[in-house]
Amino acid sequence: MDAPEASLLVVDDEPNIRELLSASLRFAGFRVVSAATGAEALAAVAGDCPDLVVLDVMLPDMDGFAVVRRLREETAYGRNAAARDHLPVLFLTAKDGVEDKVSGLTAGGDDYVTKPFSLEELIARIRAILRRTGGPDDNGTLMVGDLELDPVGHQVLRGGRVVSLSPTEFKLLEYLMANAGRVLSKPQILDHVWAYDFGGDLSIVESYISYLRRKLDSGEGGAAKLIHTVRGVGYVLRRPH
C-alpha cells in the first residue's frame, strides 16, 4: 500500500458532511482523522500532529476562528510551538462576506472554501496549501536591511525582534524577499504563493500584504516601511534608505 500523501484533520459538526469529506479525502490518498467540536479538534492536533486542518467555522462549542486562535496561542496544544504555529488551516464556511473571510485569515487561517463547494476544488486547495507550506527549497537565509528570514528554522526577525507569521504570510514574505527590488504583480504573487490550479481571488493578496505590513512595521518607534505599492502594477519589497 502506498504511503498517504499527507495527514489531515477534518473538523465539522455535521456527521454527513464529516463522513463524506473524510471518505473522499481518504480516496484521494490522504490519511484522515476527524472531530466534531472545537475541543475535539484541539485535542486531535495535540495527539495526532496532522499536516493540515480542514476546519468548519460553525461549531457547537466555539467557532473555527476561536479554535485557530487557541491553536496559535496556547502551548497546551501541539507537541511543540513550531508545529503549532506552522500548522496550515483551511476554513469551510457558509458565509462569503468579506468580513468573514478577513476574520478567518486574521485568525491565522491559510485559505477558505465557501459552502457549497466541489470536492475537486477542495482537494486542489488542500494540495496547493501543502505545496506552499511543505518546506523551503533553499536553505539560505534571506536578508533585506534589518529584516531576516530563515527558511530552515522558519523564523523571521525584524531588527532582532521575532515576527510571528502564519505559513502563508511566511511564504509571501519569502517570495517578496527573494525578489527584493522587483515589482511583483498580484497575479504573479497569487500564482506563486497560493499555487491555485484555477482562477483565484486577487483581493486575498491585498489582505495578506496588509497583514505583513502591520507585523513588520509594528516595532517600537515605528520601523521603516519595507513593502511598497506600485499603483496599477503590484508590490515591491525594498531595502529602507
Protein backbone atom coordinates (compact mmCIF):
# COMPACT_ATOMS: atom_id res chain seq x y z
CA MET A 1 0.00 0.00 0.00
CA ASP A 2 1.31 3.49 -0.91
CA ALA A 3 2.13 5.91 1.89
CA PRO A 4 -0.55 8.61 2.38
CA GLU A 5 0.05 11.93 0.66
CA ALA A 6 -0.41 13.81 3.96
CA SER A 7 -2.25 13.57 7.28
CA LEU A 8 -5.41 15.68 7.55
CA LEU A 9 -7.76 16.58 10.38
CA VAL A 10 -11.36 17.21 9.26
CA VAL A 11 -13.49 19.19 11.73
CA ASP A 12 -17.24 19.53 11.12
CA ASP A 13 -20.18 19.05 13.49
CA GLU A 14 -22.49 17.70 10.76
CA PRO A 15 -21.95 13.89 10.63
CA ASN A 16 -22.92 13.53 6.96
CA ILE A 17 -20.51 16.23 5.80
CA ARG A 18 -17.74 15.00 8.09
CA GLU A 19 -18.07 11.41 6.89
CA LEU A 20 -18.33 12.40 3.21
CA LEU A 21 -15.25 14.62 3.43
CA SER A 22 -13.26 12.03 5.32
CA ALA A 23 -14.11 9.25 2.88
CA SER A 24 -13.43 11.42 -0.19
CA LEU A 25 -10.08 12.65 1.15
CA ARG A 26 -9.01 9.10 2.02
CA PHE A 27 -9.94 8.03 -1.52
CA ALA A 28 -7.78 10.91 -2.83
CA GLY A 29 -4.78 9.48 -0.97
CA PHE A 30 -4.76 11.27 2.37
CA ARG A 31 -4.72 9.88 5.90
CA VAL A 32 -7.72 11.39 7.70
CA VAL A 33 -8.83 11.77 11.30
CA SER A 34 -11.96 13.71 12.23
CA ALA A 35 -13.51 15.77 15.02
CA ALA A 36 -16.97 17.20 15.66
CA THR A 37 -16.20 20.09 18.04
CA GLY A 38 -13.54 22.69 18.67
CA ALA A 39 -12.37 20.92 21.83
CA GLU A 40 -12.03 17.62 19.97
CA ALA A 41 -10.08 19.42 17.22
CA LEU A 42 -7.57 20.89 19.69
CA ALA A 43 -7.12 17.50 21.35
CA ALA A 44 -6.65 15.82 17.95
CA VAL A 45 -3.95 18.32 16.97
CA ALA A 46 -2.13 17.67 20.23
CA GLY A 47 -2.32 13.91 19.87
CA ASP A 48 -2.09 13.33 16.13
CA CYS A 49 0.01 16.22 14.74
CA PRO A 50 -1.73 16.46 11.32
CA ASP A 51 -0.15 18.20 8.32
CA LEU A 52 -3.25 20.33 7.69
CA VAL A 53 -6.64 21.03 9.30
CA VAL A 54 -9.88 21.36 7.31
CA LEU A 55 -11.97 23.37 9.76
CA ASP A 56 -15.65 24.31 9.66
CA VAL A 57 -16.30 27.81 11.01
CA MET A 58 -19.63 26.98 12.68
CA LEU A 59 -19.04 24.52 15.54
CA PRO A 60 -21.25 23.87 18.60
CA ASP A 61 -18.77 24.83 21.34
CA MET A 62 -16.62 27.54 19.72
CA ASP A 63 -16.29 28.89 16.20
CA GLY A 64 -13.44 27.88 13.94
CA PHE A 65 -11.75 31.28 14.31
CA ALA A 66 -11.52 30.74 18.08
CA VAL A 67 -10.11 27.25 17.51
CA VAL A 68 -7.28 28.64 15.39
CA ARG A 69 -6.55 31.48 17.81
CA ARG A 70 -6.25 28.98 20.66
CA LEU A 71 -4.17 26.69 18.48
CA ARG A 72 -1.72 29.50 17.72
CA GLU A 73 -1.63 30.95 21.24
CA GLU A 74 -1.79 28.10 23.74
CA THR A 75 1.24 25.90 24.33
CA ALA A 76 -1.07 23.15 25.61
CA TYR A 77 -1.89 22.25 22.02
CA GLY A 78 0.61 20.76 19.62
CA ARG A 79 3.73 18.87 20.58
CA ASN A 80 5.88 21.96 20.18
CA ALA A 81 5.39 25.65 19.47
CA ALA A 82 6.84 25.48 15.97
CA ALA A 83 4.46 22.70 14.89
CA ARG A 84 1.52 24.59 16.39
CA ASP A 85 2.36 27.93 14.76
CA HIS A 86 3.08 26.44 11.33
CA LEU A 87 0.09 24.09 11.07
CA PRO A 88 -1.90 25.10 7.95
CA VAL A 89 -5.67 25.60 8.28
CA LEU A 90 -8.30 25.66 5.53
CA PHE A 91 -11.65 27.09 6.66
CA LEU A 92 -15.01 25.77 5.48
CA THR A 93 -17.66 28.45 5.75
CA ALA A 94 -21.24 29.05 4.66
CA LYS A 95 -20.52 32.77 4.84
CA ASP A 96 -18.98 34.51 1.86
CA GLY A 97 -18.85 38.10 3.11
CA VAL A 98 -15.52 39.93 3.04
CA GLU A 99 -15.70 40.47 6.81
CA ASP A 100 -15.92 36.72 7.47
CA LYS A 101 -13.04 35.98 5.10
CA VAL A 102 -10.87 38.63 6.74
CA SER A 103 -11.74 37.21 10.18
CA GLY A 104 -10.58 33.77 9.13
CA LEU A 105 -7.33 34.98 7.62
CA THR A 106 -6.61 37.28 10.55
CA ALA A 107 -7.15 34.40 12.97
CA GLY A 108 -4.31 32.53 11.27
CA GLY A 109 -6.07 30.55 8.53
CA ASP A 110 -4.37 29.92 5.19
CA ASP A 111 -7.37 29.71 2.87
CA TYR A 112 -11.14 29.33 2.88
CA VAL A 113 -13.74 27.47 0.82
CA THR A 114 -17.35 28.64 0.79
CA LYS A 115 -20.15 26.08 1.03
CA PRO A 116 -21.44 24.58 -1.16
CA PHE A 117 -18.14 23.57 -2.77
CA SER A 118 -16.93 20.85 -5.11
CA LEU A 119 -14.72 18.11 -3.72
CA GLU A 120 -12.34 18.67 -6.64
CA GLU A 121 -11.85 22.32 -5.67
CA LEU A 122 -11.37 21.44 -2.00
CA ILE A 123 -8.73 18.81 -2.81
CA ALA A 124 -6.97 21.23 -5.19
CA ARG A 125 -6.80 23.88 -2.48
CA ILE A 126 -5.56 21.40 0.12
CA ARG A 127 -2.76 20.33 -2.22
CA ALA A 128 -1.93 23.96 -3.02
CA ILE A 129 -1.57 24.77 0.69
CA LEU A 130 0.57 21.67 1.29
CA ARG A 131 2.83 22.62 -1.63
CA ARG A 132 3.47 26.12 -0.34
CA THR A 133 3.91 25.08 3.31
CA GLY A 134 5.75 21.82 2.74
CA GLY A 135 9.19 23.26 3.49
CA PRO A 136 11.64 25.57 1.79
CA ASP A 137 13.60 24.57 -1.29
CA ASP A 138 16.54 26.82 -0.41
CA ASN A 139 18.46 26.61 2.85
CA GLY A 140 19.89 30.12 2.55
CA THR A 141 18.86 32.86 4.97
CA LEU A 142 17.37 35.94 3.25
CA MET A 143 18.26 39.43 4.48
CA VAL A 144 16.92 42.83 3.39
CA GLY A 145 18.02 45.68 5.63
CA ASP A 146 17.21 44.72 9.21
CA LEU A 147 14.76 42.03 8.05
CA GLU A 148 15.98 38.43 8.24
CA LEU A 149 14.17 35.27 7.13
CA ASP A 150 15.46 31.79 7.98
CA PRO A 151 13.64 29.24 5.78
CA VAL A 152 15.06 26.25 7.66
CA GLY A 153 14.19 27.44 11.17
CA HIS A 154 11.03 29.10 9.81
CA GLN A 155 11.86 32.28 11.71
CA VAL A 156 11.61 35.95 10.82
CA LEU A 157 13.43 38.75 12.65
CA ARG A 158 12.97 42.49 12.18
CA GLY A 159 15.68 44.48 13.93
CA GLY A 160 16.30 41.48 16.19
CA ARG A 161 12.59 41.25 17.09
CA VAL A 162 10.88 37.94 16.37
CA VAL A 163 7.95 38.36 13.97
CA SER A 164 5.31 35.62 14.23
CA LEU A 165 3.83 34.71 10.84
CA SER A 166 1.32 32.16 9.61
CA PRO A 167 2.58 29.68 6.96
CA THR A 168 1.06 31.70 4.13
CA GLU A 169 2.41 35.00 5.45
CA PHE A 170 5.84 33.39 5.69
CA LYS A 171 5.64 32.10 2.11
CA LEU A 172 4.54 35.52 0.84
CA LEU A 173 7.35 37.31 2.67
CA GLU A 174 9.88 34.75 1.41
CA TYR A 175 8.75 35.41 -2.17
CA LEU A 176 8.94 39.19 -1.73
CA MET A 177 12.40 38.99 -0.14
CA ALA A 178 13.73 36.62 -2.81
CA ASN A 179 12.63 39.24 -5.36
CA ALA A 180 13.63 42.33 -3.36
CA GLY A 181 13.65 45.44 -5.55
CA ARG A 182 11.48 43.77 -8.20
CA VAL A 183 7.85 44.77 -8.62
CA LEU A 184 5.57 41.72 -8.47
CA SER A 185 2.03 41.78 -9.84
CA LYS A 186 -0.93 40.41 -7.90
CA PRO A 187 -1.40 37.53 -10.37
CA GLN A 188 2.30 36.63 -10.02
CA ILE A 189 2.02 36.60 -6.24
CA LEU A 190 -1.23 34.62 -6.30
CA ASP A 191 0.24 32.03 -8.65
CA HIS A 192 3.47 31.58 -6.65
CA VAL A 193 2.20 31.80 -3.08
CA TRP A 194 -1.24 30.22 -3.41
CA ALA A 195 -0.38 27.94 -6.37
CA TYR A 196 -4.00 27.67 -7.45
CA ASP A 197 -4.83 25.42 -10.36
CA PHE A 198 -7.84 27.62 -11.12
CA GLY A 199 -8.78 31.30 -11.03
CA GLY A 200 -8.09 32.88 -7.64
CA ASP A 201 -9.37 35.99 -5.89
CA LEU A 202 -6.78 38.78 -6.17
CA SER A 203 -8.19 40.50 -3.07
CA ILE A 204 -6.57 37.82 -0.91
CA VAL A 205 -3.18 39.22 -1.99
CA GLU A 206 -4.18 42.71 -0.78
CA SER A 207 -5.31 41.27 2.56
CA TYR A 208 -2.09 39.39 3.18
CA ILE A 209 0.09 42.34 2.14
CA SER A 210 -1.81 44.40 4.73
CA TYR A 211 -1.20 41.76 7.44
CA LEU A 212 2.51 41.62 6.65
CA ARG A 213 2.84 45.39 6.80
CA ARG A 214 1.23 45.51 10.23
CA LYS A 215 3.52 42.83 11.62
CA LEU A 216 6.75 44.06 10.04
CA ASP A 217 6.28 47.75 10.80
CA SER A 218 5.00 47.46 14.38
CA GLY A 219 8.30 47.82 16.23
CA GLU A 220 8.91 50.45 18.86
CA GLY A 221 9.09 53.93 17.41
CA GLY A 222 7.81 52.67 14.09
CA ALA A 223 10.04 50.68 11.76
CA ALA A 224 10.90 51.88 8.26
CA LYS A 225 8.37 50.59 5.72
CA LEU A 226 9.63 47.75 3.57
CA ILE A 227 6.66 46.75 1.37
CA HIS A 228 5.57 49.38 -1.14
CA THR A 229 2.61 49.58 -3.51
CA VAL A 230 3.28 50.43 -7.14
CA ARG A 231 -0.13 51.58 -8.26
CA GLY A 232 -1.53 49.72 -11.23
CA VAL A 233 1.36 47.23 -11.16
CA GLY A 234 1.75 45.42 -7.82
CA TYR A 235 4.05 45.33 -4.78
CA VAL A 236 7.77 45.54 -4.12
CA LEU A 237 9.91 44.95 -1.04
CA ARG A 238 12.76 47.48 -0.89
CA ARG A 239 15.67 47.97 1.47
CA PRO A 240 14.97 51.07 3.59
CA HIS A 241 17.11 54.12 2.83
